[in-house]
N, C-alpha and C. Protein backbone atom coordinates (compact mmCIF):
# COMPACT_ATOMS: atom_id res chain seq x y z
N UNK A 1 0.82 -1.20 0.00
CA UNK A 1 0.00 0.00 0.00
C UNK A 1 0.86 1.26 0.00
N UNK A 2 1.97 1.22 0.71
CA UNK A 2 2.83 2.39 0.78
C UNK A 2 3.41 2.73 -0.59
N UNK A 3 3.75 1.68 -1.37
CA UNK A 3 4.30 1.90 -2.70
C UNK A 3 3.29 2.58 -3.61
N UNK A 4 2.02 2.19 -3.53
CA UNK A 4 1.00 2.80 -4.39
C UNK A 4 0.77 4.26 -4.02
N UNK A 5 0.86 4.60 -2.75
CA UNK A 5 0.70 6.01 -2.38
C UNK A 5 1.90 6.83 -2.84
N UNK A 6 3.08 6.22 -2.84
CA UNK A 6 4.27 6.92 -3.34
C UNK A 6 4.14 7.14 -4.85
N UNK A 7 3.64 6.14 -5.57
CA UNK A 7 3.44 6.28 -7.02
C UNK A 7 2.42 7.38 -7.30
N UNK A 8 1.34 7.40 -6.55
CA UNK A 8 0.33 8.44 -6.74
C UNK A 8 0.92 9.82 -6.49
N UNK A 9 1.71 9.96 -5.42
CA UNK A 9 2.33 11.26 -5.12
C UNK A 9 3.29 11.67 -6.24
N UNK A 10 4.09 10.71 -6.74
CA UNK A 10 5.00 11.01 -7.86
C UNK A 10 4.23 11.47 -9.08
N UNK A 11 3.19 10.73 -9.44
CA UNK A 11 2.41 11.07 -10.63
C UNK A 11 1.79 12.46 -10.50
N UNK A 12 1.20 12.75 -9.35
CA UNK A 12 0.57 14.05 -9.15
C UNK A 12 1.59 15.18 -9.27
N UNK A 13 2.74 15.02 -8.62
CA UNK A 13 3.77 16.07 -8.64
C UNK A 13 4.41 16.20 -10.01
N UNK A 14 4.77 15.08 -10.62
CA UNK A 14 5.46 15.13 -11.91
C UNK A 14 4.52 15.61 -13.02
N UNK A 15 3.23 15.29 -12.94
CA UNK A 15 2.27 15.79 -13.94
C UNK A 15 2.19 17.32 -13.84
N UNK A 16 2.16 17.84 -12.64
CA UNK A 16 2.16 19.30 -12.45
C UNK A 16 3.46 19.90 -12.99
N UNK A 17 4.58 19.30 -12.64
CA UNK A 17 5.87 19.81 -13.12
C UNK A 17 5.95 19.76 -14.65
N UNK A 18 5.34 18.75 -15.24
CA UNK A 18 5.33 18.62 -16.69
C UNK A 18 4.72 19.86 -17.34
N UNK A 19 3.66 20.37 -16.75
CA UNK A 19 2.99 21.54 -17.31
C UNK A 19 3.80 22.82 -17.12
N UNK A 20 4.79 22.79 -16.26
CA UNK A 20 5.63 23.97 -16.00
C UNK A 20 6.99 23.88 -16.69
N UNK A 21 7.20 22.84 -17.47
CA UNK A 21 8.53 22.56 -17.99
C UNK A 21 8.84 23.29 -19.30
N UNK A 22 8.66 24.60 -19.31
CA UNK A 22 9.04 25.40 -20.47
C UNK A 22 10.53 25.27 -20.69
N UNK A 23 10.93 24.90 -21.88
CA UNK A 23 12.36 24.76 -22.18
C UNK A 23 12.89 23.37 -21.90
N UNK A 24 12.03 22.45 -21.52
CA UNK A 24 12.46 21.08 -21.23
C UNK A 24 12.32 20.74 -19.76
N UNK A 25 12.40 19.45 -19.47
CA UNK A 25 12.17 19.01 -18.10
C UNK A 25 13.29 19.42 -17.15
N UNK A 26 14.45 19.76 -17.66
CA UNK A 26 15.54 20.16 -16.77
C UNK A 26 15.21 21.42 -15.97
N UNK A 27 14.30 22.25 -16.47
CA UNK A 27 14.00 23.49 -15.76
C UNK A 27 13.20 23.26 -14.49
N UNK A 28 12.61 22.09 -14.32
CA UNK A 28 11.83 21.83 -13.11
C UNK A 28 12.62 21.01 -12.09
N UNK A 29 13.92 20.85 -12.31
CA UNK A 29 14.74 20.07 -11.37
C UNK A 29 14.72 20.62 -9.94
N UNK A 30 14.77 21.95 -9.74
CA UNK A 30 14.74 22.42 -8.35
C UNK A 30 13.49 21.96 -7.59
N UNK A 31 12.34 22.01 -8.23
CA UNK A 31 11.12 21.57 -7.55
C UNK A 31 11.09 20.05 -7.40
N UNK A 32 11.60 19.33 -8.39
CA UNK A 32 11.70 17.87 -8.26
C UNK A 32 12.63 17.51 -7.10
N UNK A 33 13.73 18.24 -6.97
CA UNK A 33 14.67 18.02 -5.86
C UNK A 33 13.98 18.27 -4.52
N UNK A 34 13.28 19.38 -4.43
CA UNK A 34 12.57 19.70 -3.19
C UNK A 34 11.60 18.58 -2.83
N UNK A 35 10.91 18.06 -3.83
CA UNK A 35 9.88 17.04 -3.59
C UNK A 35 10.48 15.70 -3.18
N UNK A 36 11.44 15.18 -3.94
CA UNK A 36 11.94 13.82 -3.68
C UNK A 36 13.06 13.75 -2.65
N UNK A 37 13.82 14.86 -2.50
CA UNK A 37 14.93 14.85 -1.54
C UNK A 37 14.51 15.51 -0.22
N UNK A 38 14.09 16.75 -0.30
CA UNK A 38 13.79 17.51 0.92
C UNK A 38 12.49 17.09 1.60
N UNK A 39 11.42 16.95 0.82
CA UNK A 39 10.12 16.67 1.40
C UNK A 39 9.93 15.21 1.79
N UNK A 40 10.24 14.29 0.88
CA UNK A 40 9.97 12.87 1.13
C UNK A 40 11.20 12.04 1.49
N UNK A 41 12.39 12.56 1.27
CA UNK A 41 13.64 11.82 1.52
C UNK A 41 13.66 10.46 0.82
N UNK A 42 13.10 10.41 -0.39
CA UNK A 42 13.12 9.17 -1.16
C UNK A 42 14.50 8.92 -1.76
N UNK A 43 15.22 9.99 -2.06
CA UNK A 43 16.59 9.89 -2.57
C UNK A 43 17.45 10.92 -1.84
N UNK A 44 18.75 10.68 -1.85
CA UNK A 44 19.68 11.63 -1.23
C UNK A 44 20.11 12.66 -2.27
N UNK A 45 20.78 13.70 -1.81
CA UNK A 45 21.35 14.70 -2.72
C UNK A 45 22.26 14.03 -3.74
N UNK A 46 23.10 13.13 -3.26
CA UNK A 46 24.06 12.47 -4.15
C UNK A 46 23.35 11.60 -5.18
N UNK A 47 22.34 10.85 -4.75
CA UNK A 47 21.58 10.02 -5.69
C UNK A 47 20.90 10.90 -6.75
N UNK A 48 20.35 12.03 -6.33
CA UNK A 48 19.70 12.95 -7.25
C UNK A 48 20.69 13.40 -8.32
N UNK A 49 21.87 13.83 -7.89
CA UNK A 49 22.90 14.27 -8.84
C UNK A 49 23.36 13.10 -9.71
N UNK A 50 23.51 11.93 -9.12
CA UNK A 50 23.93 10.76 -9.90
C UNK A 50 22.89 10.38 -10.94
N UNK A 51 21.62 10.40 -10.58
CA UNK A 51 20.56 10.07 -11.53
C UNK A 51 20.55 11.07 -12.69
N UNK A 52 20.77 12.33 -12.36
CA UNK A 52 20.82 13.34 -13.42
C UNK A 52 21.99 13.06 -14.37
N UNK A 53 23.14 12.74 -13.80
CA UNK A 53 24.32 12.44 -14.63
C UNK A 53 24.08 11.21 -15.51
N UNK A 54 23.46 10.18 -14.94
CA UNK A 54 23.17 8.97 -15.71
C UNK A 54 22.20 9.29 -16.85
N UNK A 55 21.16 10.04 -16.56
CA UNK A 55 20.17 10.38 -17.59
C UNK A 55 20.78 11.24 -18.69
N UNK A 56 21.71 12.12 -18.32
CA UNK A 56 22.35 12.96 -19.33
C UNK A 56 23.32 12.16 -20.18
N UNK A 57 23.98 11.19 -19.58
CA UNK A 57 24.96 10.39 -20.31
C UNK A 57 24.30 9.34 -21.20
N UNK A 58 23.11 8.92 -20.82
CA UNK A 58 22.41 7.89 -21.60
C UNK A 58 21.81 8.51 -22.86
N UNK A 59 21.79 7.74 -23.93
CA UNK A 59 21.11 8.25 -25.13
C UNK A 59 19.61 8.34 -24.88
N UNK A 60 19.00 9.33 -25.46
CA UNK A 60 17.56 9.46 -25.32
C UNK A 60 17.19 10.78 -24.67
N UNK A 61 15.92 10.95 -24.43
CA UNK A 61 15.40 12.23 -23.91
C UNK A 61 15.70 12.45 -22.42
N UNK A 62 15.64 13.71 -22.02
CA UNK A 62 15.96 14.09 -20.64
C UNK A 62 14.95 13.59 -19.62
N UNK A 63 13.75 13.21 -20.05
CA UNK A 63 12.77 12.76 -19.07
C UNK A 63 13.18 11.44 -18.41
N UNK A 64 14.20 10.78 -18.94
CA UNK A 64 14.68 9.54 -18.32
C UNK A 64 15.07 9.76 -16.86
N UNK A 65 15.50 10.97 -16.55
CA UNK A 65 15.84 11.31 -15.17
C UNK A 65 14.66 11.04 -14.23
N UNK A 66 13.47 11.43 -14.67
CA UNK A 66 12.29 11.26 -13.83
C UNK A 66 11.92 9.78 -13.72
N UNK A 67 12.17 9.01 -14.77
CA UNK A 67 11.95 7.57 -14.71
C UNK A 67 12.90 6.94 -13.68
N UNK A 68 14.14 7.41 -13.63
CA UNK A 68 15.08 6.90 -12.62
C UNK A 68 14.61 7.21 -11.21
N UNK A 69 14.09 8.41 -11.01
CA UNK A 69 13.54 8.75 -9.69
C UNK A 69 12.38 7.82 -9.35
N UNK A 70 11.49 7.60 -10.31
CA UNK A 70 10.36 6.70 -10.09
C UNK A 70 10.82 5.29 -9.77
N UNK A 71 11.86 4.84 -10.46
CA UNK A 71 12.42 3.49 -10.22
C UNK A 71 12.92 3.39 -8.78
N UNK A 72 13.63 4.40 -8.33
CA UNK A 72 14.18 4.39 -6.98
C UNK A 72 13.06 4.37 -5.93
N UNK A 73 12.00 5.11 -6.20
CA UNK A 73 10.91 5.23 -5.23
C UNK A 73 10.02 3.99 -5.22
N UNK A 74 9.69 3.45 -6.41
CA UNK A 74 8.68 2.39 -6.44
C UNK A 74 8.94 1.34 -7.51
N UNK A 75 10.18 1.13 -7.87
CA UNK A 75 10.50 0.06 -8.81
C UNK A 75 10.00 0.32 -10.22
N UNK A 76 9.78 -0.77 -10.96
CA UNK A 76 9.40 -0.68 -12.37
C UNK A 76 8.12 0.14 -12.57
N UNK A 77 7.09 -0.13 -11.77
CA UNK A 77 5.83 0.63 -11.91
C UNK A 77 6.05 2.11 -11.62
N UNK A 78 6.89 2.41 -10.67
CA UNK A 78 7.21 3.80 -10.37
C UNK A 78 7.91 4.48 -11.53
N UNK A 79 8.81 3.76 -12.19
CA UNK A 79 9.52 4.32 -13.35
C UNK A 79 8.55 4.61 -14.49
N UNK A 80 7.68 3.66 -14.78
CA UNK A 80 6.71 3.84 -15.87
C UNK A 80 5.75 4.99 -15.54
N UNK A 81 5.24 4.99 -14.32
CA UNK A 81 4.29 6.04 -13.92
C UNK A 81 4.94 7.41 -13.95
N UNK A 82 6.17 7.52 -13.46
CA UNK A 82 6.87 8.81 -13.45
C UNK A 82 7.13 9.30 -14.88
N UNK A 83 7.54 8.39 -15.75
CA UNK A 83 7.80 8.77 -17.14
C UNK A 83 6.52 9.25 -17.82
N UNK A 84 5.44 8.53 -17.64
CA UNK A 84 4.16 8.93 -18.25
C UNK A 84 3.70 10.27 -17.69
N UNK A 85 3.86 10.46 -16.38
CA UNK A 85 3.42 11.69 -15.74
C UNK A 85 4.20 12.90 -16.22
N UNK A 86 5.47 12.75 -16.53
CA UNK A 86 6.27 13.89 -16.97
C UNK A 86 6.08 14.16 -18.46
N UNK A 87 5.66 13.15 -19.23
CA UNK A 87 5.53 13.31 -20.68
C UNK A 87 4.12 13.73 -21.11
N UNK A 88 3.11 13.01 -20.66
CA UNK A 88 1.76 13.15 -21.22
C UNK A 88 1.15 14.55 -21.02
N UNK A 89 1.18 15.15 -19.84
CA UNK A 89 0.56 16.47 -19.72
C UNK A 89 1.20 17.53 -20.63
N UNK A 90 2.54 17.59 -20.66
CA UNK A 90 3.21 18.58 -21.51
C UNK A 90 2.96 18.32 -22.98
N UNK A 91 2.99 17.05 -23.39
CA UNK A 91 2.75 16.71 -24.79
C UNK A 91 1.32 17.06 -25.19
N UNK A 92 0.37 16.78 -24.32
CA UNK A 92 -1.03 17.11 -24.61
C UNK A 92 -1.22 18.61 -24.72
N UNK A 93 -0.65 19.36 -23.77
CA UNK A 93 -0.75 20.82 -23.80
C UNK A 93 -0.08 21.38 -25.06
N UNK A 94 1.09 20.86 -25.42
CA UNK A 94 1.77 21.33 -26.62
C UNK A 94 0.95 21.07 -27.87
N UNK A 95 0.31 19.93 -27.93
CA UNK A 95 -0.53 19.59 -29.08
C UNK A 95 -1.71 20.56 -29.19
N UNK A 96 -2.35 20.84 -28.07
CA UNK A 96 -3.51 21.73 -28.08
C UNK A 96 -3.09 23.17 -28.38
N UNK A 97 -2.08 23.64 -27.70
CA UNK A 97 -1.62 25.02 -27.86
C UNK A 97 -0.99 25.23 -29.23
N UNK A 98 -0.36 24.20 -29.78
CA UNK A 98 0.31 24.34 -31.07
C UNK A 98 -0.58 24.90 -32.16
N UNK A 99 -1.79 24.41 -32.25
CA UNK A 99 -2.72 24.90 -33.27
C UNK A 99 -3.12 26.35 -33.03
N UNK A 100 -3.42 26.67 -31.79
CA UNK A 100 -3.81 28.03 -31.45
C UNK A 100 -2.62 28.97 -31.65
N UNK A 101 -1.46 28.55 -31.26
CA UNK A 101 -0.25 29.36 -31.34
C UNK A 101 0.04 29.75 -32.78
N UNK A 102 -0.10 28.79 -33.68
CA UNK A 102 0.16 29.06 -35.09
C UNK A 102 -0.89 30.01 -35.67
N UNK A 103 -2.12 29.85 -35.27
CA UNK A 103 -3.20 30.70 -35.78
C UNK A 103 -3.00 32.16 -35.41
N UNK A 104 -2.38 32.42 -34.27
CA UNK A 104 -2.16 33.79 -33.81
C UNK A 104 -0.70 34.22 -33.95
N UNK A 105 -0.02 33.70 -34.97
CA UNK A 105 1.42 33.94 -35.13
C UNK A 105 1.78 35.42 -35.27
N UNK A 106 0.87 36.26 -35.72
CA UNK A 106 1.16 37.68 -35.90
C UNK A 106 0.57 38.56 -34.80
N UNK A 107 -0.02 37.96 -33.80
CA UNK A 107 -0.66 38.73 -32.73
C UNK A 107 0.38 39.33 -31.78
N UNK A 108 0.10 40.54 -31.32
CA UNK A 108 1.02 41.21 -30.38
C UNK A 108 1.16 40.43 -29.07
N UNK A 109 0.03 39.91 -28.59
CA UNK A 109 0.07 39.20 -27.31
C UNK A 109 0.96 37.97 -27.40
N UNK A 110 1.00 37.32 -28.58
CA UNK A 110 1.86 36.14 -28.74
C UNK A 110 3.32 36.53 -28.64
N UNK A 111 3.70 37.62 -29.30
CA UNK A 111 5.10 38.07 -29.21
C UNK A 111 5.44 38.46 -27.78
N UNK A 112 4.51 39.05 -27.06
CA UNK A 112 4.75 39.43 -25.65
C UNK A 112 4.93 38.20 -24.78
N UNK A 113 4.10 37.18 -25.01
CA UNK A 113 4.22 35.94 -24.23
C UNK A 113 5.57 35.29 -24.51
N UNK A 114 5.95 35.21 -25.78
CA UNK A 114 7.24 34.61 -26.12
C UNK A 114 8.40 35.39 -25.49
N UNK A 115 8.34 36.71 -25.55
CA UNK A 115 9.40 37.52 -24.97
C UNK A 115 9.46 37.35 -23.45
N UNK A 116 8.31 37.17 -22.83
CA UNK A 116 8.29 36.98 -21.37
C UNK A 116 8.75 35.60 -20.93
N UNK A 117 8.50 34.59 -21.75
CA UNK A 117 8.89 33.23 -21.38
C UNK A 117 10.39 32.99 -21.50
N UNK A 118 11.06 33.72 -22.35
CA UNK A 118 12.50 33.51 -22.53
C UNK A 118 13.28 33.74 -21.23
N UNK A 119 13.12 34.88 -20.54
CA UNK A 119 13.87 35.05 -19.29
C UNK A 119 13.43 34.09 -18.18
N UNK A 120 12.15 33.72 -18.19
CA UNK A 120 11.67 32.75 -17.20
C UNK A 120 12.40 31.41 -17.40
N UNK A 121 12.48 30.98 -18.65
CA UNK A 121 13.16 29.72 -18.96
C UNK A 121 14.63 29.79 -18.58
N UNK A 122 15.28 30.88 -18.89
CA UNK A 122 16.70 31.03 -18.54
C UNK A 122 16.88 30.98 -17.03
N UNK A 123 16.02 31.65 -16.30
CA UNK A 123 16.10 31.60 -14.83
C UNK A 123 15.88 30.21 -14.28
N UNK A 124 14.94 29.48 -14.87
CA UNK A 124 14.70 28.11 -14.42
C UNK A 124 15.90 27.20 -14.71
N UNK A 125 16.53 27.39 -15.87
CA UNK A 125 17.71 26.60 -16.20
C UNK A 125 18.84 26.89 -15.22
N UNK A 126 19.08 28.16 -14.91
CA UNK A 126 20.13 28.50 -13.95
C UNK A 126 19.82 27.96 -12.55
N UNK A 127 18.54 28.00 -12.15
CA UNK A 127 18.22 27.46 -10.83
C UNK A 127 18.43 25.96 -10.79
N UNK A 128 18.19 25.28 -11.91
CA UNK A 128 18.46 23.84 -11.99
C UNK A 128 19.95 23.57 -11.83
N UNK A 129 20.77 24.37 -12.51
CA UNK A 129 22.22 24.22 -12.37
C UNK A 129 22.67 24.44 -10.94
N UNK A 130 22.07 25.40 -10.27
CA UNK A 130 22.43 25.68 -8.87
C UNK A 130 22.08 24.50 -7.97
N UNK A 131 20.88 23.95 -8.15
CA UNK A 131 20.45 22.81 -7.32
C UNK A 131 21.35 21.61 -7.55
N UNK A 132 21.68 21.34 -8.81
CA UNK A 132 22.54 20.19 -9.11
C UNK A 132 23.94 20.38 -8.57
N UNK A 133 24.49 21.58 -8.68
CA UNK A 133 25.84 21.79 -8.15
C UNK A 133 25.83 21.73 -6.63
N UNK A 134 24.78 22.22 -6.01
CA UNK A 134 24.69 22.12 -4.54
C UNK A 134 24.59 20.66 -4.10
N UNK A 135 23.91 19.84 -4.90
CA UNK A 135 23.76 18.42 -4.55
C UNK A 135 25.06 17.65 -4.77
N UNK A 136 25.85 18.08 -5.76
CA UNK A 136 27.06 17.32 -6.11
C UNK A 136 28.33 17.84 -5.45
N UNK A 137 28.38 19.11 -5.11
CA UNK A 137 29.59 19.71 -4.54
C UNK A 137 29.60 19.56 -3.03
N UNK A 138 30.60 18.80 -2.54
CA UNK A 138 30.66 18.53 -1.11
C UNK A 138 31.92 19.05 -0.45
N UNK A 139 32.61 19.92 -1.09
CA UNK A 139 33.82 20.48 -0.52
C UNK A 139 34.34 21.60 -1.40
N UNK A 140 35.40 22.25 -0.96
CA UNK A 140 35.90 23.40 -1.71
C UNK A 140 36.50 22.99 -3.04
N UNK A 141 37.05 21.79 -3.15
CA UNK A 141 37.65 21.35 -4.42
C UNK A 141 36.56 21.15 -5.47
N UNK A 142 35.49 20.44 -5.11
CA UNK A 142 34.43 20.22 -6.08
C UNK A 142 33.71 21.52 -6.42
N UNK A 143 33.55 22.41 -5.45
CA UNK A 143 32.95 23.71 -5.71
C UNK A 143 33.82 24.52 -6.67
N UNK A 144 35.13 24.48 -6.48
CA UNK A 144 36.06 25.21 -7.36
C UNK A 144 36.02 24.63 -8.78
N UNK A 145 35.95 23.31 -8.89
CA UNK A 145 35.87 22.68 -10.21
C UNK A 145 34.57 23.09 -10.91
N UNK A 146 33.47 23.10 -10.19
CA UNK A 146 32.19 23.52 -10.77
C UNK A 146 32.25 24.97 -11.21
N UNK A 147 32.79 25.84 -10.36
CA UNK A 147 32.89 27.26 -10.71
C UNK A 147 33.78 27.47 -11.93
N UNK A 148 34.93 26.80 -11.95
CA UNK A 148 35.84 26.94 -13.08
C UNK A 148 35.22 26.41 -14.37
N UNK A 149 34.54 25.28 -14.29
CA UNK A 149 33.87 24.71 -15.46
C UNK A 149 32.80 25.67 -15.97
N UNK A 150 32.03 26.27 -15.07
CA UNK A 150 30.99 27.22 -15.46
C UNK A 150 31.60 28.43 -16.15
N UNK A 151 32.64 28.99 -15.55
CA UNK A 151 33.29 30.17 -16.12
C UNK A 151 33.88 29.87 -17.50
N UNK A 152 34.58 28.75 -17.62
CA UNK A 152 35.18 28.38 -18.90
C UNK A 152 34.11 28.11 -19.96
N UNK A 153 33.02 27.50 -19.56
CA UNK A 153 31.94 27.23 -20.51
C UNK A 153 31.33 28.53 -21.03
N UNK A 154 31.12 29.48 -20.13
CA UNK A 154 30.50 30.74 -20.53
C UNK A 154 31.46 31.66 -21.28
N UNK A 155 32.76 31.54 -21.00
CA UNK A 155 33.73 32.48 -21.55
C UNK A 155 34.45 31.99 -22.80
N UNK A 156 34.20 30.77 -23.22
CA UNK A 156 34.94 30.26 -24.39
C UNK A 156 33.99 29.59 -25.37
N UNK A 157 34.52 29.33 -26.55
CA UNK A 157 33.75 28.62 -27.57
C UNK A 157 34.07 27.13 -27.58
N UNK A 158 34.85 26.68 -26.61
CA UNK A 158 35.22 25.26 -26.52
C UNK A 158 33.99 24.47 -26.07
N UNK A 159 33.81 23.33 -26.68
CA UNK A 159 32.68 22.47 -26.31
C UNK A 159 32.76 22.15 -24.82
N UNK A 160 31.69 22.42 -24.05
CA UNK A 160 31.72 22.18 -22.61
C UNK A 160 31.96 20.72 -22.23
N UNK A 161 31.71 19.80 -23.13
CA UNK A 161 31.96 18.39 -22.82
C UNK A 161 33.43 18.15 -22.48
N UNK A 162 34.35 18.92 -23.07
CA UNK A 162 35.76 18.78 -22.73
C UNK A 162 36.01 19.16 -21.27
N UNK A 163 35.33 20.20 -20.81
CA UNK A 163 35.49 20.61 -19.41
C UNK A 163 34.88 19.56 -18.48
N UNK A 164 33.73 19.01 -18.88
CA UNK A 164 33.10 17.97 -18.07
C UNK A 164 33.98 16.72 -18.02
N UNK A 165 34.60 16.39 -19.14
CA UNK A 165 35.51 15.25 -19.18
C UNK A 165 36.69 15.48 -18.22
N UNK A 166 37.25 16.69 -18.26
CA UNK A 166 38.35 17.01 -17.36
C UNK A 166 37.94 16.92 -15.90
N UNK A 167 36.76 17.44 -15.58
CA UNK A 167 36.27 17.36 -14.20
C UNK A 167 36.03 15.91 -13.80
N UNK A 168 35.50 15.10 -14.72
CA UNK A 168 35.29 13.68 -14.43
C UNK A 168 36.60 12.95 -14.19
N UNK A 169 37.61 13.29 -14.98
CA UNK A 169 38.92 12.65 -14.79
C UNK A 169 39.53 13.01 -13.44
N UNK A 170 39.33 14.26 -13.02
CA UNK A 170 39.79 14.65 -11.69
C UNK A 170 39.09 13.83 -10.60
N UNK A 171 37.80 13.58 -10.80
CA UNK A 171 37.06 12.76 -9.85
C UNK A 171 37.53 11.33 -9.83
N UNK A 172 37.78 10.76 -11.01
CA UNK A 172 38.27 9.38 -11.10
C UNK A 172 39.65 9.27 -10.46
N UNK A 173 40.46 10.31 -10.62
CA UNK A 173 41.82 10.31 -10.05
C UNK A 173 41.78 10.49 -8.53
N UNK A 174 40.61 10.76 -7.99
CA UNK A 174 40.49 10.93 -6.54
C UNK A 174 40.87 12.30 -6.04
N UNK A 175 40.90 13.29 -6.93
CA UNK A 175 41.30 14.63 -6.54
C UNK A 175 40.13 15.48 -6.07
N UNK A 176 38.93 14.89 -6.02
CA UNK A 176 37.78 15.68 -5.58
C UNK A 176 37.22 15.15 -4.29
């Protein structure tokens, strides 16, 4: 019975987050973290960061992260339920809004909505990065590596994957 109530809670929360996921599911990570780590303690900070890393490294869409959370909370059924909850509401809304959005492509209100959503999405992405770095950084060395990687990524045209590879190698070498 406890597993079914956890699945219901995941579905309710992830379905709501799905509707708020402008710019992709990564923008709702802070609220997902609050829900599964802070509120329910279903996963630890480290597990949250690890699941995100696994989902990013795996081929396929970013919603796999939510399936991993569901798996941890309630096994296979939790993974399926979490994945459906994060996909179906946003996909349904996009399908419905898509037709209306195209019909009003020259409307002033549409341009205003688009202009307003851009900074909201950017803010949500940055807050996701903050939550993930707070979950993964457990000392001054890892914090410095995260800060340096962020600065180098923003200040150069070098593919950020090289910086992530370097940070990963430092971790494998035991320097973090």
